[in-house]
Amino acid sequence: MRHTRCPPHTTSGASFGIEHAVVLAQHLATADVGDALAKYDVERRARLAWIREGAEAVRDQVAGGGDYAEVMEAFILGALEQGPQ
Protein backbone atom coordinates (compact mmCIF):
# COMPACT_ATOMS: atom_id res chain seq x y z
CA MET A 1 0.00 0.00 0.00
CA ARG A 2 1.35 3.40 -0.92
CA HIS A 3 1.07 5.63 2.12
CA THR A 4 -1.18 8.66 1.74
CA ARG A 5 0.73 11.45 3.42
CA CYS A 6 -1.10 13.49 6.04
CA PRO A 7 0.11 16.95 7.00
CA PRO A 8 1.98 17.11 10.32
CA HIS A 9 -0.63 19.25 12.05
CA THR A 10 -2.90 16.20 12.23
CA THR A 11 -0.40 14.67 14.72
CA SER A 12 -1.19 11.33 13.15
CA GLY A 13 2.19 9.60 12.77
CA ALA A 14 2.29 7.20 15.71
CA SER A 15 -1.49 7.07 15.95
CA PHE A 16 -1.81 5.78 12.41
CA GLY A 17 0.93 3.22 12.97
CA ILE A 18 -1.02 1.76 15.88
CA GLU A 19 -4.32 2.03 14.04
CA HIS A 20 -2.86 0.32 10.94
CA ALA A 21 -1.57 -2.58 13.06
CA VAL A 22 -4.91 -3.10 14.80
CA VAL A 23 -6.90 -3.00 11.55
CA LEU A 24 -4.50 -5.36 9.80
CA ALA A 25 -4.65 -7.81 12.72
CA GLN A 26 -8.45 -7.73 12.62
CA HIS A 27 -8.50 -8.52 8.91
CA LEU A 28 -5.90 -11.28 9.26
CA ALA A 29 -8.01 -12.91 11.98
CA THR A 30 -10.98 -13.29 9.64
CA ALA A 31 -9.53 -13.86 6.17
CA ASP A 32 -6.62 -15.42 4.34
CA VAL A 33 -3.59 -13.17 3.83
CA GLY A 34 -4.46 -12.04 0.30
CA ASP A 35 -8.05 -11.14 1.14
CA ALA A 36 -7.02 -9.53 4.44
CA LEU A 37 -4.47 -7.31 2.73
CA ALA A 38 -6.94 -6.30 0.03
CA LYS A 39 -9.59 -5.35 2.61
CA TYR A 40 -7.00 -3.55 4.71
CA ASP A 41 -5.80 -1.57 1.71
CA VAL A 42 -9.29 -0.36 0.78
CA GLU A 43 -10.21 0.50 4.36
CA ARG A 44 -7.00 2.37 5.16
CA ARG A 45 -7.04 4.39 1.94
CA ALA A 46 -10.54 5.60 2.74
CA ARG A 47 -9.59 6.48 6.32
CA LEU A 48 -6.44 8.36 5.30
CA ALA A 49 -8.29 10.24 2.56
CA TRP A 50 -10.86 11.39 5.13
CA ILE A 51 -8.13 12.65 7.49
CA ARG A 52 -6.22 14.29 4.65
CA GLU A 53 -9.30 16.16 3.43
CA GLY A 54 -9.88 17.49 6.94
CA ALA A 55 -6.24 18.47 7.32
CA GLU A 56 -6.29 20.30 4.00
CA ALA A 57 -9.43 22.17 5.10
CA VAL A 58 -7.63 23.22 8.30
CA ARG A 59 -4.64 24.40 6.27
CA ASP A 60 -6.85 26.42 3.95
CA GLN A 61 -8.79 28.02 6.80
CA VAL A 62 -5.60 29.00 8.62
CA ALA A 63 -4.06 30.32 5.41
CA GLY A 64 -7.21 32.38 4.93
CA GLY A 65 -6.68 34.09 8.28
CA GLY A 66 -8.45 31.68 10.63
CA ASP A 67 -7.14 31.33 14.17
CA TYR A 68 -5.15 28.07 14.28
CA ALA A 69 -6.40 27.02 17.73
CA GLU A 70 -10.04 27.64 16.84
CA VAL A 71 -9.76 25.91 13.48
CA MET A 72 -8.02 22.87 15.01
CA GLU A 73 -10.59 22.70 17.82
CA ALA A 74 -13.42 22.62 15.27
CA PHE A 75 -11.57 19.98 13.22
CA ILE A 76 -10.96 17.74 16.23
CA LEU A 77 -14.49 18.10 17.63
CA GLY A 78 -15.95 17.43 14.19
CA ALA A 79 -13.79 14.33 13.80
CA LEU A 80 -14.85 13.06 17.23
CA GLU A 81 -18.53 13.61 16.44
CA GLN A 82 -18.35 11.96 13.04
CA GLY A 83 -16.07 9.13 14.08
CA PRO A 84 -13.78 7.05 11.90
CA GLN A 85 -14.69 6.73 8.27
PDB file of N, CA and C in Angstrom:
ATOM      1  N   MET A   1       0.841  -1.178   0.000  1.00  0.00           N
ATOM      2  CA  MET A   1       0.000   0.000   0.000  1.00  0.00           C
ATOM      3  C   MET A   1       0.881   1.233   0.000  1.00  0.00           C
ATOM      4  N   ARG A   2       0.647   2.127  -0.903  1.00  0.00           N
ATOM      5  CA  ARG A   2       1.355   3.399  -0.923  1.00  0.00           C
ATOM      6  C   ARG A   2       0.736   4.284   0.138  1.00  0.00           C
ATOM      7  N   HIS A   3       1.567   4.830   1.013  1.00  0.00           N
ATOM      8  CA  HIS A   3       1.068   5.633   2.125  1.00  0.00           C
ATOM      9  C   HIS A   3       0.574   6.980   1.625  1.00  0.00           C
ATOM     10  N   THR A   4      -0.641   7.350   2.044  1.00  0.00           N
ATOM     11  CA  THR A   4      -1.182   8.664   1.739  1.00  0.00           C
ATOM     12  C   THR A   4      -0.694   9.599   2.815  1.00  0.00           C
ATOM     13  N   ARG A   5       0.102  10.559   2.449  1.00  0.00           N
ATOM     14  CA  ARG A   5       0.726  11.450   3.420  1.00  0.00           C
ATOM     15  C   ARG A   5      -0.284  12.425   4.019  1.00  0.00           C
ATOM     16  N   CYS A   6      -0.257  12.531   5.336  1.00  0.00           N
ATOM     17  CA  CYS A   6      -1.099  13.491   6.041  1.00  0.00           C
ATOM     18  C   CYS A   6      -0.215  14.608   6.565  1.00  0.00           C
ATOM     19  N   PRO A   7      -0.685  15.828   6.484  1.00  0.00           N
ATOM     20  CA  PRO A   7       0.106  16.947   6.997  1.00  0.00           C
ATOM     21  C   PRO A   7       0.423  16.781   8.482  1.00  0.00           C
ATOM     22  N   PRO A   8       1.552  17.327   8.938  1.00  0.00           N
ATOM     23  CA  PRO A   8       1.981  17.108  10.324  1.00  0.00           C
ATOM     24  C   PRO A   8       1.050  17.686  11.376  1.00  0.00           C
ATOM     25  N   HIS A   9       0.239  18.694  11.025  1.00  0.00           N
ATOM     26  CA  HIS A   9      -0.629  19.252  12.053  1.00  0.00           C
ATOM     27  C   HIS A   9      -1.763  18.313  12.457  1.00  0.00           C
ATOM     28  N   THR A  10      -1.900  17.165  11.791  1.00  0.00           N
ATOM     29  CA  THR A  10      -2.905  16.203  12.234  1.00  0.00           C
ATOM     30  C   THR A  10      -2.368  15.339  13.367  1.00  0.00           C
ATOM     31  N   THR A  11      -1.084  15.459  13.668  1.00  0.00           N
ATOM     32  CA  THR A  11      -0.401  14.668  14.715  1.00  0.00           C
ATOM     33  C   THR A  11      -0.750  13.190  14.593  1.00  0.00           C
ATOM     34  N   SER A  12      -0.686  12.675  13.395  1.00  0.00           N
ATOM     35  CA  SER A  12      -1.189  11.329  13.151  1.00  0.00           C
ATOM     36  C   SER A  12      -0.125  10.254  12.973  1.00  0.00           C
ATOM     37  N   GLY A  13       1.146  10.588  13.060  1.00  0.00           N
ATOM     38  CA  GLY A  13       2.189   9.605  12.771  1.00  0.00           C
ATOM     39  C   GLY A  13       2.101   8.325  13.573  1.00  0.00           C
ATOM     40  N   ALA A  14       2.322   8.397  14.861  1.00  0.00           N
ATOM     41  CA  ALA A  14       2.290   7.200  15.711  1.00  0.00           C
ATOM     42  C   ALA A  14       0.880   6.637  15.803  1.00  0.00           C
ATOM     43  N   SER A  15      -0.097   7.524  15.842  1.00  0.00           N
ATOM     44  CA  SER A  15      -1.489   7.072  15.945  1.00  0.00           C
ATOM     45  C   SER A  15      -1.863   6.179  14.775  1.00  0.00           C
ATOM     46  N   PHE A  16      -1.484   6.592  13.564  1.00  0.00           N
ATOM     47  CA  PHE A  16      -1.810   5.777  12.411  1.00  0.00           C
ATOM     48  C   PHE A  16      -1.038   4.469  12.396  1.00  0.00           C
ATOM     49  N   GLY A  17       0.180   4.466  12.889  1.00  0.00           N
ATOM     50  CA  GLY A  17       0.935   3.220  12.968  1.00  0.00           C
ATOM     51  C   GLY A  17       0.210   2.194  13.826  1.00  0.00           C
ATOM     52  N   ILE A  18      -0.273   2.648  14.974  1.00  0.00           N
ATOM     53  CA  ILE A  18      -1.017   1.762  15.876  1.00  0.00           C
ATOM     54  C   ILE A  18      -2.338   1.341  15.235  1.00  0.00           C
ATOM     55  N   GLU A  19      -3.028   2.314  14.670  1.00  0.00           N
ATOM     56  CA  GLU A  19      -4.317   2.028  14.038  1.00  0.00           C
ATOM     57  C   GLU A  19      -4.148   1.039  12.881  1.00  0.00           C
ATOM     58  N   HIS A  20      -3.120   1.243  12.057  1.00  0.00           N
ATOM     59  CA  HIS A  20      -2.856   0.316  10.944  1.00  0.00           C
ATOM     60  C   HIS A  20      -2.654  -1.102  11.463  1.00  0.00           C
ATOM     61  N   ALA A  21      -1.866  -1.240  12.516  1.00  0.00           N
ATOM     62  CA  ALA A  21      -1.572  -2.576  13.061  1.00  0.00           C
ATOM     63  C   ALA A  21      -2.835  -3.260  13.563  1.00  0.00           C
ATOM     64  N   VAL A  22      -3.676  -2.521  14.263  1.00  0.00           N
ATOM     65  CA  VAL A  22      -4.914  -3.104  14.802  1.00  0.00           C
ATOM     66  C   VAL A  22      -5.832  -3.542  13.663  1.00  0.00           C
ATOM     67  N   VAL A  23      -6.008  -2.674  12.673  1.00  0.00           N
ATOM     68  CA  VAL A  23      -6.899  -2.996  11.554  1.00  0.00           C
ATOM     69  C   VAL A  23      -6.366  -4.193  10.776  1.00  0.00           C
ATOM     70  N   LEU A  24      -5.081  -4.226  10.519  1.00  0.00           N
ATOM     71  CA  LEU A  24      -4.505  -5.358   9.801  1.00  0.00           C
ATOM     72  C   LEU A  24      -4.697  -6.655  10.586  1.00  0.00           C
ATOM     73  N   ALA A  25      -4.459  -6.614  11.880  1.00  0.00           N
ATOM     74  CA  ALA A  25      -4.648  -7.813  12.715  1.00  0.00           C
ATOM     75  C   ALA A  25      -6.099  -8.291  12.667  1.00  0.00           C
ATOM     76  N   GLN A  26      -7.039  -7.365  12.692  1.00  0.00           N
ATOM     77  CA  GLN A  26      -8.453  -7.731  12.618  1.00  0.00           C
ATOM     78  C   GLN A  26      -8.768  -8.424  11.302  1.00  0.00           C
ATOM     79  N   HIS A  27      -8.244  -7.902  10.205  1.00  0.00           N
ATOM     80  CA  HIS A  27      -8.499  -8.517   8.907  1.00  0.00           C
ATOM     81  C   HIS A  27      -7.813  -9.875   8.794  1.00  0.00           C
ATOM     82  N   LEU A  28      -6.607  -9.991   9.323  1.00  0.00           N
ATOM     83  CA  LEU A  28      -5.898 -11.278   9.259  1.00  0.00           C
ATOM     84  C   LEU A  28      -6.582 -12.355  10.092  1.00  0.00           C
ATOM     85  N   ALA A  29      -7.306 -11.950  11.122  1.00  0.00           N
ATOM     86  CA  ALA A  29      -8.008 -12.912  11.980  1.00  0.00           C
ATOM     87  C   ALA A  29      -9.245 -13.501  11.306  1.00  0.00           C
ATOM     88  N   THR A  30      -9.731 -12.847  10.245  1.00  0.00           N
ATOM     89  CA  THR A  30     -10.983 -13.294   9.643  1.00  0.00           C
ATOM     90  C   THR A  30     -10.873 -13.673   8.169  1.00  0.00           C
ATOM     91  N   ALA A  31      -9.679 -13.572   7.598  1.00  0.00           N
ATOM     92  CA  ALA A  31      -9.533 -13.863   6.166  1.00  0.00           C
ATOM     93  C   ALA A  31      -8.129 -14.377   5.885  1.00  0.00           C
ATOM     94  N   ASP A  32      -7.962 -15.001   4.707  1.00  0.00           N
ATOM     95  CA  ASP A  32      -6.615 -15.415   4.339  1.00  0.00           C
ATOM     96  C   ASP A  32      -5.794 -14.159   4.046  1.00  0.00           C
ATOM     97  N   VAL A  33      -4.491 -14.317   3.934  1.00  0.00           N
ATOM     98  CA  VAL A  33      -3.586 -13.172   3.826  1.00  0.00           C
ATOM     99  C   VAL A  33      -3.929 -12.271   2.645  1.00  0.00           C
ATOM    100  N   GLY A  34      -4.159 -12.844   1.491  1.00  0.00           N
ATOM    101  CA  GLY A  34      -4.458 -12.040   0.304  1.00  0.00           C
ATOM    102  C   GLY A  34      -5.725 -11.215   0.466  1.00  0.00           C
ATOM    103  N   ASP A  35      -6.787 -11.858   0.936  1.00  0.00           N
ATOM    104  CA  ASP A  35      -8.050 -11.138   1.141  1.00  0.00           C
ATOM    105  C   ASP A  35      -7.916 -10.110   2.253  1.00  0.00           C
ATOM    106  N   ALA A  36      -7.209 -10.461   3.321  1.00  0.00           N
ATOM    107  CA  ALA A  36      -7.021  -9.533   4.441  1.00  0.00           C
ATOM    108  C   ALA A  36      -6.280  -8.285   3.994  1.00  0.00           C
ATOM    109  N   LEU A  37      -5.228  -8.466   3.204  1.00  0.00           N
ATOM    110  CA  LEU A  37      -4.472  -7.314   2.725  1.00  0.00           C
ATOM    111  C   LEU A  37      -5.293  -6.444   1.783  1.00  0.00           C
ATOM    112  N   ALA A  38      -6.102  -7.071   0.948  1.00  0.00           N
ATOM    113  CA  ALA A  38      -6.944  -6.298   0.029  1.00  0.00           C
ATOM    114  C   ALA A  38      -7.970  -5.474   0.804  1.00  0.00           C
ATOM    115  N   LYS A  39      -8.611  -6.078   1.795  1.00  0.00           N
ATOM    116  CA  LYS A  39      -9.592  -5.353   2.610  1.00  0.00           C
ATOM    117  C   LYS A  39      -8.917  -4.234   3.401  1.00  0.00           C
ATOM    118  N   TYR A  40      -7.766  -4.547   3.962  1.00  0.00           N
ATOM    119  CA  TYR A  40      -6.998  -3.549   4.713  1.00  0.00           C
ATOM    120  C   TYR A  40      -6.658  -2.355   3.833  1.00  0.00           C
ATOM    121  N   ASP A  41      -6.198  -2.624   2.631  1.00  0.00           N
ATOM    122  CA  ASP A  41      -5.796  -1.566   1.712  1.00  0.00           C
ATOM    123  C   ASP A  41      -6.964  -0.626   1.411  1.00  0.00           C
ATOM    124  N   VAL A  42      -8.113  -1.181   1.094  1.00  0.00           N
ATOM    125  CA  VAL A  42      -9.291  -0.362   0.779  1.00  0.00           C
ATOM    126  C   VAL A  42      -9.705   0.460   1.995  1.00  0.00           C
ATOM    127  N   GLU A  43      -9.768  -0.183   3.143  1.00  0.00           N
ATOM    128  CA  GLU A  43     -10.207   0.500   4.360  1.00  0.00           C
ATOM    129  C   GLU A  43      -9.258   1.626   4.759  1.00  0.00           C
ATOM    130  N   ARG A  44      -7.966   1.359   4.712  1.00  0.00           N
ATOM    131  CA  ARG A  44      -7.001   2.371   5.155  1.00  0.00           C
ATOM    132  C   ARG A  44      -6.941   3.546   4.186  1.00  0.00           C
ATOM    133  N   ARG A  45      -7.040   3.280   2.904  1.00  0.00           N
ATOM    134  CA  ARG A  45      -7.036   4.386   1.941  1.00  0.00           C
ATOM    135  C   ARG A  45      -8.207   5.330   2.193  1.00  0.00           C
ATOM    136  N   ALA A  46      -9.367   4.768   2.466  1.00  0.00           N
ATOM    137  CA  ALA A  46     -10.542   5.603   2.736  1.00  0.00           C
ATOM    138  C   ALA A  46     -10.342   6.417   4.014  1.00  0.00           C
ATOM    139  N   ARG A  47      -9.811   5.796   5.035  1.00  0.00           N
ATOM    140  CA  ARG A  47      -9.587   6.479   6.319  1.00  0.00           C
ATOM    141  C   ARG A  47      -8.577   7.617   6.154  1.00  0.00           C
ATOM    142  N   LEU A  48      -7.478   7.336   5.480  1.00  0.00           N
ATOM    143  CA  LEU A  48      -6.445   8.362   5.302  1.00  0.00           C
ATOM    144  C   LEU A  48      -6.930   9.499   4.404  1.00  0.00           C
ATOM    145  N   ALA A  49      -7.742   9.184   3.417  1.00  0.00           N
ATOM    146  CA  ALA A  49      -8.288  10.238   2.558  1.00  0.00           C
ATOM    147  C   ALA A  49      -9.187  11.164   3.376  1.00  0.00           C
ATOM    148  N   TRP A  50      -9.974  10.601   4.280  1.00  0.00           N
ATOM    149  CA  TRP A  50     -10.859  11.391   5.133  1.00  0.00           C
ATOM    150  C   TRP A  50     -10.046  12.335   6.024  1.00  0.00           C
ATOM    151  N   ILE A  51      -8.986  11.825   6.636  1.00  0.00           N
ATOM    152  CA  ILE A  51      -8.131  12.646   7.489  1.00  0.00           C
ATOM    153  C   ILE A  51      -7.430  13.718   6.650  1.00  0.00           C
ATOM    154  N   ARG A  52      -6.939  13.326   5.493  1.00  0.00           N
ATOM    155  CA  ARG A  52      -6.221  14.295   4.649  1.00  0.00           C
ATOM    156  C   ARG A  52      -7.133  15.429   4.201  1.00  0.00           C
ATOM    157  N   GLU A  53      -8.358  15.113   3.838  1.00  0.00           N
ATOM    158  CA  GLU A  53      -9.300  16.155   3.428  1.00  0.00           C
ATOM    159  C   GLU A  53      -9.537  17.146   4.568  1.00  0.00           C
ATOM    160  N   GLY A  54      -9.695  16.618   5.782  1.00  0.00           N
ATOM    161  CA  GLY A  54      -9.878  17.491   6.939  1.00  0.00           C
ATOM    162  C   GLY A  54      -8.656  18.338   7.206  1.00  0.00           C
ATOM    163  N   ALA A  55      -7.488  17.745   7.086  1.00  0.00           N
ATOM    164  CA  ALA A  55      -6.241  18.471   7.317  1.00  0.00           C
ATOM    165  C   ALA A  55      -6.047  19.568   6.279  1.00  0.00           C
ATOM    166  N   GLU A  56      -6.410  19.287   5.042  1.00  0.00           N
ATOM    167  CA  GLU A  56      -6.295  20.305   3.996  1.00  0.00           C
ATOM    168  C   GLU A  56      -7.282  21.447   4.247  1.00  0.00           C
ATOM    169  N   ALA A  57      -8.457  21.126   4.762  1.00  0.00           N
ATOM    170  CA  ALA A  57      -9.432  22.174   5.100  1.00  0.00           C
ATOM    171  C   ALA A  57      -8.887  23.059   6.218  1.00  0.00           C
ATOM    172  N   VAL A  58      -8.244  22.440   7.213  1.00  0.00           N
ATOM    173  CA  VAL A  58      -7.625  23.217   8.296  1.00  0.00           C
ATOM    174  C   VAL A  58      -6.561  24.143   7.721  1.00  0.00           C
ATOM    175  N   ARG A  59      -5.705  23.600   6.883  1.00  0.00           N
ATOM    176  CA  ARG A  59      -4.640  24.397   6.269  1.00  0.00           C
ATOM    177  C   ARG A  59      -5.209  25.592   5.519  1.00  0.00           C
ATOM    178  N   ASP A  60      -6.253  25.347   4.748  1.00  0.00           N
ATOM    179  CA  ASP A  60      -6.850  26.419   3.951  1.00  0.00           C
ATOM    180  C   ASP A  60      -7.495  27.482   4.834  1.00  0.00           C
ATOM    181  N   GLN A  61      -8.148  27.058   5.907  1.00  0.00           N
ATOM    182  CA  GLN A  61      -8.789  28.016   6.801  1.00  0.00           C
ATOM    183  C   GLN A  61      -7.750  28.878   7.522  1.00  0.00           C
ATOM    184  N   VAL A  62      -6.661  28.252   7.945  1.00  0.00           N
ATOM    185  CA  VAL A  62      -5.599  29.004   8.623  1.00  0.00           C
ATOM    186  C   VAL A  62      -4.922  29.948   7.628  1.00  0.00           C
ATOM    187  N   ALA A  63      -4.670  29.481   6.428  1.00  0.00           N
ATOM    188  CA  ALA A  63      -4.058  30.325   5.410  1.00  0.00           C
ATOM    189  C   ALA A  63      -4.956  31.514   5.054  1.00  0.00           C
ATOM    190  N   GLY A  64      -6.260  31.319   5.212  1.00  0.00           N
ATOM    191  CA  GLY A  64      -7.208  32.383   4.926  1.00  0.00           C
ATOM    192  C   GLY A  64      -7.413  33.342   6.089  1.00  0.00           C
ATOM    193  N   GLY A  65      -6.611  33.175   7.144  1.00  0.00           N
ATOM    194  CA  GLY A  65      -6.684  34.091   8.277  1.00  0.00           C
ATOM    195  C   GLY A  65      -7.368  33.540   9.503  1.00  0.00           C
ATOM    196  N   GLY A  66      -7.800  32.281   9.458  1.00  0.00           N
ATOM    197  CA  GLY A  66      -8.452  31.679  10.626  1.00  0.00           C
ATOM    198  C   GLY A  66      -7.468  31.476  11.769  1.00  0.00           C
ATOM    199  N   ASP A  67      -7.964  31.567  12.985  1.00  0.00           N
ATOM    200  CA  ASP A  67      -7.139  31.328  14.168  1.00  0.00           C
ATOM    201  C   ASP A  67      -6.840  29.832  14.259  1.00  0.00           C
ATOM    202  N   TYR A  68      -5.557  29.474  14.315  1.00  0.00           N
ATOM    203  CA  TYR A  68      -5.153  28.071  14.284  1.00  0.00           C
ATOM    204  C   TYR A  68      -5.822  27.256  15.385  1.00  0.00           C
ATOM    205  N   ALA A  69      -5.817  27.760  16.604  1.00  0.00           N
ATOM    206  CA  ALA A  69      -6.396  27.017  17.727  1.00  0.00           C
ATOM    207  C   ALA A  69      -7.889  26.781  17.521  1.00  0.00           C
ATOM    208  N   GLU A  70      -8.598  27.790  17.055  1.00  0.00           N
ATOM    209  CA  GLU A  70     -10.041  27.641  16.837  1.00  0.00           C
ATOM    210  C   GLU A  70     -10.337  26.680  15.691  1.00  0.00           C
ATOM    211  N   VAL A  71      -9.560  26.783  14.639  1.00  0.00           N
ATOM    212  CA  VAL A  71      -9.760  25.912  13.484  1.00  0.00           C
ATOM    213  C   VAL A  71      -9.464  24.464  13.862  1.00  0.00           C
ATOM    214  N   MET A  72      -8.364  24.235  14.590  1.00  0.00           N
ATOM    215  CA  MET A  72      -8.024  22.870  15.008  1.00  0.00           C
ATOM    216  C   MET A  72      -9.066  22.310  15.982  1.00  0.00           C
ATOM    217  N   GLU A  73      -9.550  23.148  16.882  1.00  0.00           N
ATOM    218  CA  GLU A  73     -10.586  22.696  17.815  1.00  0.00           C
ATOM    219  C   GLU A  73     -11.826  22.227  17.045  1.00  0.00           C
ATOM    220  N   ALA A  74     -12.252  23.003  16.069  1.00  0.00           N
ATOM    221  CA  ALA A  74     -13.417  22.624  15.272  1.00  0.00           C
ATOM    222  C   ALA A  74     -13.149  21.332  14.496  1.00  0.00           C
ATOM    223  N   PHE A  75     -11.939  21.190  13.958  1.00  0.00           N
ATOM    224  CA  PHE A  75     -11.569  19.984  13.224  1.00  0.00           C
ATOM    225  C   PHE A  75     -11.615  18.760  14.129  1.00  0.00           C
ATOM    226  N   ILE A  76     -11.022  18.877  15.306  1.00  0.00           N
ATOM    227  CA  ILE A  76     -10.962  17.742  16.233  1.00  0.00           C
ATOM    228  C   ILE A  76     -12.358  17.380  16.740  1.00  0.00           C
ATOM    229  N   LEU A  77     -13.133  18.374  17.142  1.00  0.00           N
ATOM    230  CA  LEU A  77     -14.486  18.100  17.626  1.00  0.00           C
ATOM    231  C   LEU A  77     -15.348  17.488  16.528  1.00  0.00           C
ATOM    232  N   GLY A  78     -15.205  17.992  15.312  1.00  0.00           N
ATOM    233  CA  GLY A  78     -15.954  17.426  14.190  1.00  0.00           C
ATOM    234  C   GLY A  78     -15.558  15.987  13.922  1.00  0.00           C
ATOM    235  N   ALA A  79     -14.258  15.699  14.019  1.00  0.00           N
ATOM    236  CA  ALA A  79     -13.792  14.332  13.796  1.00  0.00           C
ATOM    237  C   ALA A  79     -14.313  13.395  14.878  1.00  0.00           C
ATOM    238  N   LEU A  80     -14.343  13.884  16.121  1.00  0.00           N
ATOM    239  CA  LEU A  80     -14.854  13.055  17.225  1.00  0.00           C
ATOM    240  C   LEU A  80     -16.351  12.784  17.064  1.00  0.00           C
ATOM    241  N   GLU A  81     -17.095  13.783  16.635  1.00  0.00           N
ATOM    242  CA  GLU A  81     -18.533  13.614  16.443  1.00  0.00           C
ATOM    243  C   GLU A  81     -18.837  12.663  15.304  1.00  0.00           C
ATOM    244  N   GLN A  82     -18.088  12.790  14.230  1.00  0.00           N
ATOM    245  CA  GLN A  82     -18.346  11.961  13.043  1.00  0.00           C
ATOM    246  C   GLN A  82     -17.791  10.555  13.211  1.00  0.00           C
ATOM    247  N   GLY A  83     -16.692  10.446  13.892  1.00  0.00           N
ATOM    248  CA  GLY A  83     -16.067   9.130  14.082  1.00  0.00           C
ATOM    249  C   GLY A  83     -15.283   8.690  12.871  1.00  0.00           C
ATOM    250  N   PRO A  84     -14.605   7.563  13.006  1.00  0.00           N
ATOM    251  CA  PRO A  84     -13.778   7.052  11.900  1.00  0.00           C
ATOM    252  C   PRO A  84     -14.608   6.759  10.670  1.00  0.00           C
ATOM    253  N   GLN A  85     -14.031   7.011   9.543  1.00  0.00           N
ATOM    254  CA  GLN A  85     -14.692   6.728   8.273  1.00  0.00           C
ATOM    255  C   GLN A  85     -14.212   5.416   7.725  1.00  0.00           C
TER     256      GLN A  85
END
